[in-house]
Amino acid sequence: MNSELSFEQASAELDTIIEKLNSGSTSLEEMVQLYEKGTELVNYCTKLLDSYRGRIEKVTVQHDV
């Protein structure tokens, strides 16, 4: 996974994969590859969100919000 992707870029790529999978015009092999890539993107986005959540919680605690 390219760790230089922003959350927005990864999310957009995931949307494209979902559209392709829903189109029904891909081969089984391509569907499996898209699914694998989509799973990687979901995991990547989850890690980014967890990181952002941690940063927000840290700021919140520091500022007693």
Protein backbone atom coordinates (compact mmCIF):
# COMPACT_ATOMS: atom_id res chain seq x y z
CA MET A 1 0.00 0.00 0.00
CA ASN A 2 1.31 3.43 -0.92
CA SER A 3 1.54 5.15 2.46
CA GLU A 4 1.73 8.53 0.74
CA LEU A 5 -1.95 8.37 -0.22
CA SER A 6 -4.16 10.81 1.61
CA PHE A 7 -7.36 9.57 3.17
CA GLU A 8 -9.31 11.30 0.43
CA GLN A 9 -7.26 9.65 -2.33
CA ALA A 10 -7.61 6.21 -0.78
CA SER A 11 -11.33 6.73 -0.30
CA ALA A 12 -11.76 7.82 -3.93
CA GLU A 13 -9.82 4.77 -5.12
CA LEU A 14 -12.04 2.58 -2.97
CA ASP A 15 -15.15 4.18 -4.51
CA THR A 16 -13.79 3.38 -7.99
CA ILE A 17 -13.22 -0.24 -6.99
CA ILE A 18 -16.76 -0.52 -5.62
CA GLU A 19 -18.18 0.88 -8.86
CA LYS A 20 -16.20 -1.66 -10.90
CA LEU A 21 -17.30 -4.53 -8.68
CA ASN A 22 -20.93 -3.43 -8.89
CA SER A 23 -20.81 -3.05 -12.66
CA GLY A 24 -20.74 -6.79 -13.21
CA SER A 25 -18.48 -6.35 -16.21
CA THR A 26 -15.28 -7.69 -14.67
CA SER A 27 -13.87 -11.18 -14.83
CA LEU A 28 -13.72 -13.31 -11.72
CA GLU A 29 -9.95 -12.89 -11.57
CA GLU A 30 -10.26 -9.10 -11.75
CA MET A 31 -13.02 -9.15 -9.12
CA VAL A 32 -10.72 -11.02 -6.72
CA GLN A 33 -7.87 -8.58 -7.39
CA LEU A 34 -10.19 -5.61 -6.87
CA TYR A 35 -11.49 -7.15 -3.65
CA GLU A 36 -7.94 -7.64 -2.37
CA LYS A 37 -7.01 -4.06 -3.24
CA GLY A 38 -10.23 -2.79 -1.66
CA THR A 39 -9.49 -4.65 1.54
CA GLU A 40 -6.01 -3.09 1.66
CA LEU A 41 -7.53 0.36 1.15
CA VAL A 42 -10.12 -0.17 3.90
CA ASN A 43 -7.38 -1.24 6.31
CA TYR A 44 -5.23 1.74 5.30
CA CYS A 45 -8.13 4.18 5.79
CA THR A 46 -8.93 2.62 9.17
CA LYS A 47 -5.33 3.08 10.30
CA LEU A 48 -5.39 6.71 9.20
CA LEU A 49 -8.66 7.36 11.02
CA ASP A 50 -7.32 5.69 14.17
CA SER A 51 -4.24 7.90 13.97
CA TYR A 52 -6.34 11.04 13.54
CA ARG A 53 -8.60 9.99 16.40
CA GLY A 54 -5.57 9.57 18.65
CA ARG A 55 -4.26 12.99 17.71
CA ILE A 56 -7.65 14.60 18.41
CA GLU A 57 -7.95 12.83 21.76
CA LYS A 58 -4.45 13.99 22.71
CA VAL A 59 -5.29 17.61 21.90
CA THR A 60 -8.60 17.32 23.72
CA VAL A 61 -6.93 16.01 26.86
CA GLN A 62 -4.17 18.62 26.72
CA HIS A 63 -6.69 21.43 26.39
CA ASP A 64 -9.16 19.87 28.84
CA VAL A 65 -12.01 20.11 26.30
